[in-house]
């Protein structure tokens, strides 16, 4: 049997790293490709960390278990012990691994289409960096092709510890009298959330658990899911509806009217409730964050949690409390913080539970979620995407008009406006002469072109997105 080399296998796989993790078609993640990624990952950690154990968990995609088996088999081949946590949210896996000072691998495609999947890698101290990604792709780790994939024995510890992380912060069931709907679909955390919210005092109603994988995108909520939330709220009288994307690291939360919150507004509310001093946020975040005047320092980065996390070290040298969040809702806690006199340890990876809990903690008998949102929203954002839009085509569009944004604006139907400034930190972000913002960017995870818009009203922001994407298709 011939020996394989990780970098060669990965180069031939057609799989690439996106904004968070390696992503590709299910058929590209063969057992040997999963083995190559796993062994290249631990090869990258050599000299930095000492460990003889690694944790693995998965989402509910049908392809995820076999991928986990392949990762496990390859690592066992190298004498690495495996703890398999089964189907749990990505932040639950990351938290358990960091507590044990071991690396971990999450098998998930997050929100991307059903025919795709992915791998997320965590060092003992948190998410891998972009330089780690390059090291993985260049690794010359050698291994034997996999011939058998053993069944994996599930440990429930990580899920239990994740729930305890939040339930232990409150001496009293502060959600008593609240009715929360949980849109379960195929979320990796759907077996954990009801028990947690009930322990915190809420009445919980489960909604639409699905046996088929549902690729929920928290940045581009479908019209169907928007109508579902409104109708559920009317039917049940919910105080909130809680859901997540596929791997449970991005929250999707609706107010008492069934209106889904924008992720960056949710992040702003959470950060204010936590009394965070310094923030790291992506360039596509709503400018209500700066307009709130609630933070001593705000750094804007490229889109993707590795870029947000990369700013934490520098910020923590000057500020006591540091956090970050993304427009998709994932909240990252960069430093230990105190809640109700109890220490909540840092968790520098996207987490869907913390922002939901802090949002609910901020409500009162006189302040609903929609009241909180109204109070902090100075500008309005909207976003959507064109699916099956070739990445090369997206990049060419950006490159072509980055030097002549005014020409692009006219092609998009804004003949009466000019471009007052552009930002090419990630994609092409254009501020127009009426202060509206249009931001075009190729997705880092799938062949999609995303459009973000910001304006003086929710209706105007949504209108901008519809107009821009409608014009882009025919360019």
Protein backbone atom coordinates (compact mmCIF):
# COMPACT_ATOMS: atom_id res chain seq x y z
CA UNK A 1 0.00 0.00 0.00
CA UNK A 2 1.50 3.31 -1.11
CA UNK A 3 2.05 6.12 1.39
CA UNK A 4 0.16 9.37 0.81
CA UNK A 5 1.36 12.90 1.54
CA UNK A 6 -1.07 15.42 2.98
CA UNK A 7 -0.20 18.46 0.84
CA UNK A 8 -0.50 16.45 -2.38
CA UNK A 9 -3.85 14.98 -1.40
CA UNK A 10 -5.20 18.40 -0.38
CA UNK A 11 -3.92 20.13 -3.50
CA UNK A 12 -5.75 17.59 -5.66
CA UNK A 13 -8.95 17.68 -3.60
CA UNK A 14 -10.35 20.96 -4.92
CA UNK A 15 -11.23 22.00 -1.34
CA UNK A 16 -10.33 25.47 -0.08
CA UNK A 17 -10.47 27.36 3.20
CA UNK A 18 -13.29 29.90 3.38
CA UNK A 19 -14.09 32.56 5.96
CA UNK A 20 -14.26 29.87 8.66
CA UNK A 21 -12.99 26.38 7.90
CA UNK A 22 -12.32 24.21 4.89
CA UNK A 23 -15.35 23.85 2.60
CA UNK A 24 -16.13 21.79 -0.45
CA UNK A 25 -18.52 19.36 -2.11
CA UNK A 26 -19.40 16.26 -0.10
CA UNK A 27 -17.90 14.05 -2.80
CA UNK A 28 -14.57 15.88 -2.43
CA UNK A 29 -14.30 14.95 1.25
CA UNK A 30 -13.15 11.38 0.65
CA UNK A 31 -11.76 9.39 3.60
CA UNK A 32 -8.20 10.11 2.47
CA UNK A 33 -8.90 13.85 2.12
CA UNK A 34 -10.36 13.92 5.65
CA UNK A 35 -7.29 12.01 6.83
CA UNK A 36 -4.96 14.47 5.10
CA UNK A 37 -6.65 17.47 6.71
CA UNK A 38 -6.60 15.87 10.16
CA UNK A 39 -2.95 14.86 10.05
CA UNK A 40 -1.85 18.14 8.47
CA UNK A 41 -3.67 19.92 11.29
CA UNK A 42 -1.84 18.11 14.10
CA UNK A 43 1.42 18.44 12.14
CA UNK A 44 0.88 22.21 12.16
CA UNK A 45 0.49 22.16 15.96
CA UNK A 46 3.77 20.34 16.60
CA UNK A 47 6.27 22.46 18.47
CA UNK A 48 3.49 24.74 19.75
CA UNK A 49 1.38 22.36 21.85
CA UNK A 50 1.78 19.00 23.56
CA UNK A 51 -1.21 16.66 23.45
CA UNK A 52 -2.10 13.02 22.87
CA UNK A 53 -5.87 13.46 22.56
CA UNK A 54 -8.20 15.28 20.16
CA UNK A 55 -11.96 15.93 20.26
CA UNK A 56 -14.35 15.60 17.31
CA UNK A 57 -18.02 16.54 16.88
CA UNK A 58 -20.42 16.87 13.96
CA UNK A 59 -23.53 18.62 12.71
CA UNK A 60 -26.66 16.86 11.42
CA UNK A 61 -25.64 16.58 7.76
CA UNK A 62 -25.89 12.97 6.56
CA UNK A 63 -22.29 13.08 5.33
CA UNK A 64 -20.79 14.35 8.60
CA UNK A 65 -20.56 11.08 10.55
CA UNK A 66 -18.51 9.28 7.88
CA UNK A 67 -16.17 12.27 7.69
CA UNK A 68 -15.72 12.12 11.46
CA UNK A 69 -14.96 8.40 11.20
CA UNK A 70 -12.26 9.12 8.62
CA UNK A 71 -10.69 11.90 10.71
CA UNK A 72 -10.73 9.62 13.76
CA UNK A 73 -9.22 6.64 11.91
CA UNK A 74 -6.34 8.72 10.57
CA UNK A 75 -5.54 10.23 13.97
CA UNK A 76 -5.69 6.86 15.71
CA UNK A 77 -3.21 5.65 13.09
CA UNK A 78 -0.82 8.21 14.55
CA UNK A 79 -1.51 7.21 18.17
CA UNK A 80 -3.89 10.10 18.96
CA UNK A 81 -6.75 9.26 21.32
CA UNK A 82 -10.18 10.49 20.14
CA UNK A 83 -13.06 11.87 22.19
CA UNK A 84 -16.20 11.88 20.05
CA UNK A 85 -18.96 14.20 21.26
CA UNK A 86 -21.51 13.41 18.56
CA UNK A 87 -23.90 16.08 17.31
CA UNK A 88 -23.35 19.28 19.31
CA UNK A 89 -22.88 22.99 18.48
CA UNK A 90 -19.44 24.10 17.36
CA UNK A 91 -18.96 26.42 20.38
CA UNK A 92 -19.79 23.51 22.73
CA UNK A 93 -17.00 21.45 21.15
CA UNK A 94 -14.55 24.38 21.22
CA UNK A 95 -15.32 25.13 24.87
CA UNK A 96 -14.90 21.50 25.97
CA UNK A 97 -11.61 21.17 24.09
CA UNK A 98 -10.21 24.42 25.46
CA UNK A 99 -11.12 23.33 29.00
CA UNK A 100 -9.13 20.12 28.40
CA UNK A 101 -6.30 21.94 26.64
CA UNK A 102 -6.61 19.74 23.54
CA UNK A 103 -7.26 20.47 19.86
CA UNK A 104 -10.54 19.62 18.15
CA UNK A 105 -12.17 19.22 14.75
CA UNK A 106 -15.77 20.11 13.96
CA UNK A 107 -17.28 18.41 10.93
CA UNK A 108 -19.76 20.93 9.56
CA UNK A 109 -20.71 22.89 6.48
CA UNK A 110 -22.51 25.43 8.68
CA UNK A 111 -25.18 27.11 6.54
CA UNK A 112 -23.89 26.26 3.05
CA UNK A 113 -25.96 24.16 0.60
CA UNK A 114 -26.80 20.53 1.27
CA UNK A 115 -24.37 19.09 -1.28
CA UNK A 116 -21.40 20.59 0.60
CA UNK A 117 -19.65 20.07 3.90
CA UNK A 118 -16.58 21.23 5.76
CA UNK A 119 -14.09 20.99 8.61
CA UNK A 120 -13.35 23.56 11.32
CA UNK A 121 -10.11 23.28 13.28
CA UNK A 122 -9.37 24.47 16.81
CA UNK A 123 -6.03 24.63 18.59
CA UNK A 124 -6.03 24.08 22.37
CA UNK A 125 -6.27 27.88 22.72
CA UNK A 126 -9.02 28.47 20.14
CA UNK A 127 -9.64 28.84 16.41
CA UNK A 128 -6.77 28.37 13.99
CA UNK A 129 -5.43 31.47 12.27
CA UNK A 130 -5.11 32.19 8.56
CA UNK A 131 -1.39 31.37 8.81
CA UNK A 132 -2.33 28.02 10.36
CA UNK A 133 -4.55 27.36 7.35
CA UNK A 134 -1.61 27.89 5.02
CA UNK A 135 0.55 25.56 7.11
CA UNK A 136 -2.11 22.86 6.91
CA UNK A 137 -2.24 23.07 3.12
CA UNK A 138 1.57 22.86 2.91
CA UNK A 139 2.02 20.01 5.41
CA UNK A 140 4.03 17.03 4.18
CA UNK A 141 2.59 14.66 6.80
CA UNK A 142 2.64 11.12 5.46
CA UNK A 143 -0.03 8.48 6.10
CA UNK A 144 -1.36 5.16 4.87
CA UNK A 145 -4.65 5.15 2.89
CA UNK A 146 -7.62 4.33 5.10
CA UNK A 147 -9.14 0.90 4.65
CA UNK A 148 -11.67 0.63 7.52
CA UNK A 149 -13.72 3.18 9.44
CA UNK A 150 -14.69 2.17 12.98
CA UNK A 151 -17.92 3.14 14.72
CA UNK A 152 -17.50 6.05 17.17
CA UNK A 153 -18.66 5.97 20.79
CA UNK A 154 -20.44 9.17 21.84
CA UNK A 155 -19.61 11.15 24.98
CA UNK A 156 -22.29 13.58 26.26
CA UNK A 157 -19.89 15.64 28.39
CA UNK A 158 -19.34 18.56 26.02
CA UNK A 159 -23.04 19.27 25.57
CA UNK A 160 -23.64 19.11 29.32
CA UNK A 161 -20.72 21.47 30.05
CA UNK A 162 -21.91 23.96 27.43
CA UNK A 163 -25.37 24.19 29.01
CA UNK A 164 -23.83 24.52 32.50
CA UNK A 165 -21.60 27.36 31.23
CA UNK A 166 -24.71 29.52 30.97
CA UNK A 167 -27.18 28.07 33.47
CA UNK A 168 -24.63 28.50 36.28
CA UNK A 169 -24.51 32.28 35.78
CA UNK A 170 -27.94 32.83 37.27
CA UNK A 171 -29.06 32.12 40.84
CA UNK A 172 -32.70 32.75 39.94
CA UNK A 173 -34.73 31.54 36.91
CA UNK A 174 -34.79 34.99 35.34
CA UNK A 175 -36.92 33.87 32.38
CA UNK A 176 -39.90 32.97 34.54
CA UNK A 177 -43.05 34.14 32.79
CA UNK A 178 -41.38 34.23 29.37
CA UNK A 179 -42.55 32.00 26.49
CA UNK A 180 -39.80 31.13 24.01
CA UNK A 181 -40.18 29.26 20.75
CA UNK A 182 -37.24 27.19 19.54
CA UNK A 183 -37.09 26.71 15.78
CA UNK A 184 -35.17 23.45 15.88
CA UNK A 185 -34.96 22.41 12.19
CA UNK A 186 -31.65 20.45 11.92
CA UNK A 187 -29.57 22.62 14.25
CA UNK A 188 -26.69 20.80 15.92
CA UNK A 189 -27.77 22.20 19.30
CA UNK A 190 -31.48 21.37 19.11
CA UNK A 191 -31.24 18.70 21.84
CA UNK A 192 -29.69 21.18 24.30
CA UNK A 193 -31.59 24.43 24.00
CA UNK A 194 -34.99 23.52 25.43
CA UNK A 195 -33.55 22.16 28.68
CA UNK A 196 -31.38 25.27 29.13
CA UNK A 197 -34.16 27.79 28.60
CA UNK A 198 -36.50 25.79 30.83
CA UNK A 199 -33.84 25.70 33.56
CA UNK A 200 -33.65 29.50 33.27
CA UNK A 201 -37.40 29.62 33.91
CA UNK A 202 -38.97 29.94 30.46
CA UNK A 203 -41.90 28.08 29.01
CA UNK A 204 -40.58 26.52 25.77
CA UNK A 205 -42.37 25.40 22.62
CA UNK A 206 -40.40 23.41 20.06
CA UNK A 207 -41.00 24.23 16.40
CA UNK A 208 -40.36 22.31 13.17
CA UNK A 209 -37.72 19.71 13.99
CA UNK A 210 -36.57 18.32 10.65
CA UNK A 211 -35.20 14.90 9.72
CA UNK A 212 -33.65 16.49 6.62
CA UNK A 213 -30.80 19.00 6.79
CA UNK A 214 -31.98 22.62 6.53
CA UNK A 215 -29.24 25.11 5.49
CA UNK A 216 -30.34 28.14 7.54
CA UNK A 217 -28.37 31.28 6.65
CA UNK A 218 -28.66 33.84 9.46
CA UNK A 219 -27.45 36.63 7.15
CA UNK A 220 -30.01 35.98 4.43
CA UNK A 221 -33.17 34.71 6.13
CA UNK A 222 -35.57 33.26 3.57
CA UNK A 223 -38.97 34.84 3.00
CA UNK A 224 -40.50 31.56 4.11
CA UNK A 225 -38.71 31.68 7.47
CA UNK A 226 -39.64 35.33 7.91
CA UNK A 227 -43.33 34.49 7.48
CA UNK A 228 -43.02 31.45 9.77
CA UNK A 229 -41.74 33.55 12.65
CA UNK A 230 -44.48 36.16 12.29
CA UNK A 231 -47.18 33.48 12.19
CA UNK A 232 -45.68 31.56 15.14
CA UNK A 233 -45.61 34.72 17.24
CA UNK A 234 -49.27 35.41 16.47
CA UNK A 235 -50.25 31.82 17.25
CA UNK A 236 -48.27 31.31 20.47
CA UNK A 237 -47.67 34.82 21.82
CA UNK A 238 -43.91 34.27 22.13
CA UNK A 239 -41.61 36.71 23.87
CA UNK A 240 -38.85 35.52 21.52
CA UNK A 241 -38.05 32.82 19.00
CA UNK A 242 -34.60 31.25 19.13
CA UNK A 243 -32.79 29.34 16.41
CA UNK A 244 -29.30 28.92 14.95
CA UNK A 245 -27.57 27.95 11.74
CA UNK A 246 -26.64 24.32 11.10
CA UNK A 247 -23.70 24.03 13.49
CA UNK A 248 -25.09 26.25 16.22
CA UNK A 249 -22.52 29.04 16.22
CA UNK A 250 -24.69 31.74 14.63
CA UNK A 251 -27.91 32.74 16.39
CA UNK A 252 -31.19 33.61 14.71
CA UNK A 253 -33.51 35.41 17.14
CA UNK A 254 -36.92 36.95 16.57
CA UNK A 255 -38.58 39.54 18.78
CA UNK A 256 -42.07 39.28 20.29
CA UNK A 257 -43.54 40.28 16.91
CA UNK A 258 -41.74 37.52 15.03
CA UNK A 259 -39.24 39.87 13.37
CA UNK A 260 -35.79 38.31 13.02
CA UNK A 261 -33.02 40.51 14.44
CA UNK A 262 -30.00 41.51 12.40
CA UNK A 263 -26.90 39.78 13.77
CA UNK A 264 -24.88 42.94 14.23
CA UNK A 265 -27.69 44.67 16.14
CA UNK A 266 -27.97 41.57 18.33
CA UNK A 267 -24.20 41.70 18.87
CA UNK A 268 -24.40 45.39 19.79
CA UNK A 269 -27.11 44.69 22.40
CA UNK A 270 -25.13 41.78 23.85
CA UNK A 271 -21.88 43.76 24.03
CA UNK A 272 -23.63 46.66 25.79
CA UNK A 273 -25.25 44.29 28.29
CA UNK A 274 -21.80 42.79 29.01
CA UNK A 275 -20.24 46.27 29.41
CA UNK A 276 -17.57 45.44 26.83
CA UNK A 277 -14.92 48.14 26.41
CA UNK A 278 -13.36 47.23 23.04
CA UNK A 279 -14.81 45.53 19.99
CA UNK A 280 -13.47 43.78 16.91
CA UNK A 281 -16.09 43.57 14.14
CA UNK A 282 -16.10 42.95 10.38
CA UNK A 283 -16.30 45.75 7.87
CA UNK A 284 -19.89 44.88 6.87
CA UNK A 285 -21.30 45.57 10.36
CA UNK A 286 -23.96 48.23 10.89
CA UNK A 287 -22.59 51.69 11.77
CA UNK A 288 -25.13 51.94 14.61
CA UNK A 289 -22.32 50.31 16.59
CA UNK A 290 -20.12 53.40 16.33
CA UNK A 291 -23.10 55.72 16.66
CA UNK A 292 -24.00 54.11 19.99
CA UNK A 293 -20.91 55.67 21.62
CA UNK A 294 -20.94 52.65 23.96
CA UNK A 295 -17.38 51.46 23.37
CA UNK A 296 -13.94 52.90 23.93
CA UNK A 297 -12.45 51.24 20.83
CA UNK A 298 -13.83 49.59 17.69
CA UNK A 299 -11.63 47.82 15.16
CA UNK A 300 -13.11 46.82 11.79
CA UNK A 301 -11.68 43.79 10.00
CA UNK A 302 -12.14 41.53 7.02
CA UNK A 303 -15.17 39.25 7.21
CA UNK A 304 -14.59 35.97 9.03
CA UNK A 305 -14.02 34.98 12.63
CA UNK A 306 -10.23 34.45 12.21
CA UNK A 307 -9.85 38.14 11.32
CA UNK A 308 -12.04 39.26 14.22
CA UNK A 309 -10.09 37.07 16.65
CA UNK A 310 -6.75 38.30 15.33
CA UNK A 311 -7.47 41.74 16.83
CA UNK A 312 -8.20 40.42 20.33
CA UNK A 313 -4.60 40.13 21.48
CA UNK A 314 -3.78 43.75 20.68
CA UNK A 315 -7.03 45.10 22.13
CA UNK A 316 -6.67 43.12 25.36
CA UNK A 317 -3.36 44.88 26.07
CA UNK A 318 -5.19 48.20 26.42
CA UNK A 319 -8.70 47.23 27.48
CA UNK A 320 -10.04 45.04 30.28
CA UNK A 321 -12.99 43.56 28.39
CA UNK A 322 -12.80 42.63 24.70
CA UNK A 323 -15.33 40.95 22.42
CA UNK A 324 -16.31 40.69 18.80
CA UNK A 325 -19.30 39.75 16.69
CA UNK A 326 -20.26 39.41 13.08
CA UNK A 327 -23.15 40.58 10.95
CA UNK A 328 -24.29 36.95 10.90
CA UNK A 329 -24.79 37.06 14.66
CA UNK A 330 -21.97 34.94 16.04
CA UNK A 331 -20.59 36.49 19.25
CA UNK A 332 -16.96 35.98 20.30
CA UNK A 333 -15.87 36.61 23.88
CA UNK A 334 -12.22 37.66 23.84
CA UNK A 335 -11.64 38.04 27.59
CA UNK A 336 -13.06 36.61 30.79
CA UNK A 337 -16.01 38.69 31.97
CA UNK A 338 -18.18 38.92 35.08
CA UNK A 339 -21.93 38.30 35.03
CA UNK A 340 -23.89 38.45 38.29
CA UNK A 341 -20.60 38.30 40.16
CA UNK A 342 -19.61 35.09 38.41
CA UNK A 343 -16.80 34.65 35.91
CA UNK A 344 -17.70 33.67 32.35
CA UNK A 345 -14.52 32.42 30.69
CA UNK A 346 -13.42 33.75 27.34
CA UNK A 347 -14.63 31.77 24.32
CA UNK A 348 -12.95 33.25 21.23
CA UNK A 349 -15.13 31.53 18.67
CA UNK A 350 -18.60 32.28 17.35
CA UNK A 351 -21.27 31.40 19.91
CA UNK A 352 -25.05 31.50 19.42
CA UNK A 353 -26.20 31.17 23.04
CA UNK A 354 -24.46 34.07 24.78
CA UNK A 355 -26.09 36.84 22.71
CA UNK A 356 -29.53 35.25 23.13
CA UNK A 357 -29.19 35.00 26.90
CA UNK A 358 -27.83 38.52 27.32
CA UNK A 359 -30.56 39.91 25.06
CA UNK A 360 -33.24 38.23 27.17
CA UNK A 361 -31.50 39.39 30.37
CA UNK A 362 -31.83 42.95 29.08
CA UNK A 363 -35.60 42.79 28.71
CA UNK A 364 -37.96 43.90 31.49
CA UNK A 365 -41.72 44.11 32.00
CA UNK A 366 -41.54 47.51 30.33
CA UNK A 367 -38.86 46.78 27.72
CA UNK A 368 -39.47 44.16 25.05
CA UNK A 369 -36.88 42.96 22.56
CA UNK A 370 -38.31 45.22 19.87
CA UNK A 371 -37.99 48.18 22.25
CA UNK A 372 -34.31 47.38 22.83
CA UNK A 373 -33.72 47.05 19.09
CA UNK A 374 -35.49 50.34 18.34
CA UNK A 375 -33.47 52.18 20.99
CA UNK A 376 -30.09 51.14 19.57
CA UNK A 377 -30.77 51.10 15.82
CA UNK A 378 -29.58 54.36 14.28
CA UNK A 379 -29.05 52.90 10.80
CA UNK A 380 -30.70 49.94 9.06
CA UNK A 381 -29.04 47.04 7.26
CA UNK A 382 -30.18 44.37 4.84
CA UNK A 383 -28.41 41.58 2.99
CA UNK A 384 -29.02 38.79 0.54
CA UNK A 385 -27.13 36.73 -1.99
CA UNK A 386 -27.20 35.33 -5.50
CA UNK A 387 -26.74 31.58 -5.30
CA UNK A 388 -24.69 29.66 -7.87
CA UNK A 389 -22.77 32.79 -8.85
CA UNK A 390 -19.24 31.72 -9.77
CA UNK A 391 -16.60 32.99 -7.38
CA UNK A 392 -14.34 33.93 -10.29
CA UNK A 393 -17.12 36.05 -11.73
CA UNK A 394 -17.66 37.76 -8.36
CA UNK A 395 -13.96 38.55 -8.01
CA UNK A 396 -13.78 39.88 -11.56
CA UNK A 397 -16.72 42.19 -10.86
CA UNK A 398 -14.99 43.57 -7.76
CA UNK A 399 -11.64 44.02 -9.52
CA UNK A 400 -13.20 45.71 -12.53
CA UNK A 401 -15.10 48.35 -10.60
CA UNK A 402 -12.88 48.92 -7.56
CA UNK A 403 -11.08 51.56 -9.65
CA UNK A 404 -14.28 52.96 -11.16
CA UNK A 405 -17.04 52.55 -8.57
CA UNK A 406 -19.00 55.47 -10.05
CA UNK A 407 -19.47 53.54 -13.28
CA UNK A 408 -20.77 50.54 -11.35
CA UNK A 409 -23.25 52.67 -9.41
CA UNK A 410 -24.73 53.97 -12.66
CA UNK A 411 -25.05 50.42 -14.02
CA UNK A 412 -26.85 49.46 -10.81
CA UNK A 413 -29.46 52.15 -11.44
CA UNK A 414 -28.23 55.03 -9.25
CA UNK A 415 -27.65 57.61 -11.96
CA UNK A 416 -28.38 60.57 -9.68
CA UNK A 417 -25.84 59.56 -7.03
CA UNK A 418 -22.07 59.57 -6.76
CA UNK A 419 -19.62 57.49 -4.72
CA UNK A 420 -18.09 59.50 -1.90
CA UNK A 421 -15.81 56.75 -0.56
CA UNK A 422 -14.93 53.10 -1.08
CA UNK A 423 -13.56 50.43 1.24
CA UNK A 424 -11.89 47.35 -0.24
CA UNK A 425 -11.04 45.70 3.07
CA UNK A 426 -13.25 42.79 1.97
CA UNK A 427 -15.08 43.12 -1.33
CA UNK A 428 -16.23 46.52 -2.55
CA UNK A 429 -18.03 48.72 0.00
CA UNK A 430 -19.30 51.99 -1.44
CA UNK A 431 -20.70 54.97 0.46
CA UNK A 432 -22.98 57.04 -1.79
CA UNK A 433 -23.64 60.77 -1.81
CA UNK A 434 -26.92 60.26 0.11
CA UNK A 435 -24.96 58.30 2.79
CA UNK A 436 -26.45 54.96 1.76
CA UNK A 437 -23.97 52.08 1.67
CA UNK A 438 -23.74 49.25 -0.87
CA UNK A 439 -21.28 46.43 -0.29
CA UNK A 440 -20.63 43.61 -2.76
CA UNK A 441 -18.53 40.60 -1.75
CA UNK A 442 -17.92 37.04 -2.99
CA UNK A 443 -18.88 34.48 -0.35
CA UNK A 444 -15.90 32.75 1.22
CA UNK A 445 -17.79 29.48 1.62
CA UNK A 446 -19.80 28.86 -1.53
CA UNK A 447 -20.25 30.14 -5.12
CA UNK A 448 -22.44 33.06 -4.10
CA UNK A 449 -22.30 36.84 -4.42
CA UNK A 450 -23.43 38.68 -1.29
CA UNK A 451 -24.83 42.17 -1.12
CA UNK A 452 -25.03 44.22 2.07
CA UNK A 453 -26.79 47.58 2.21
CA UNK A 454 -27.26 50.25 4.86
CA UNK A 455 -29.71 53.14 4.82
CA UNK A 456 -31.99 55.35 6.90
CA UNK A 457 -34.85 52.83 7.01
CA UNK A 458 -35.34 49.09 6.92
CA UNK A 459 -37.47 49.35 3.77
CA UNK A 460 -34.84 51.41 1.95
CA UNK A 461 -32.03 49.01 2.88
CA UNK A 462 -34.02 46.01 1.63
CA UNK A 463 -34.94 47.89 -1.54
CA UNK A 464 -31.27 48.62 -2.21
CA UNK A 465 -30.34 44.94 -1.91
CA UNK A 466 -33.14 43.84 -4.25
CA UNK A 467 -32.21 46.49 -6.82
CA UNK A 468 -28.47 45.79 -6.73
CA UNK A 469 -28.76 42.00 -6.99
CA UNK A 470 -31.35 42.31 -9.73
CA UNK A 471 -28.98 44.49 -11.78
CA UNK A 472 -25.84 42.46 -11.05
CA UNK A 473 -27.39 39.32 -12.53
CA UNK A 474 -27.64 40.96 -15.95
CA UNK A 475 -24.28 42.79 -15.97
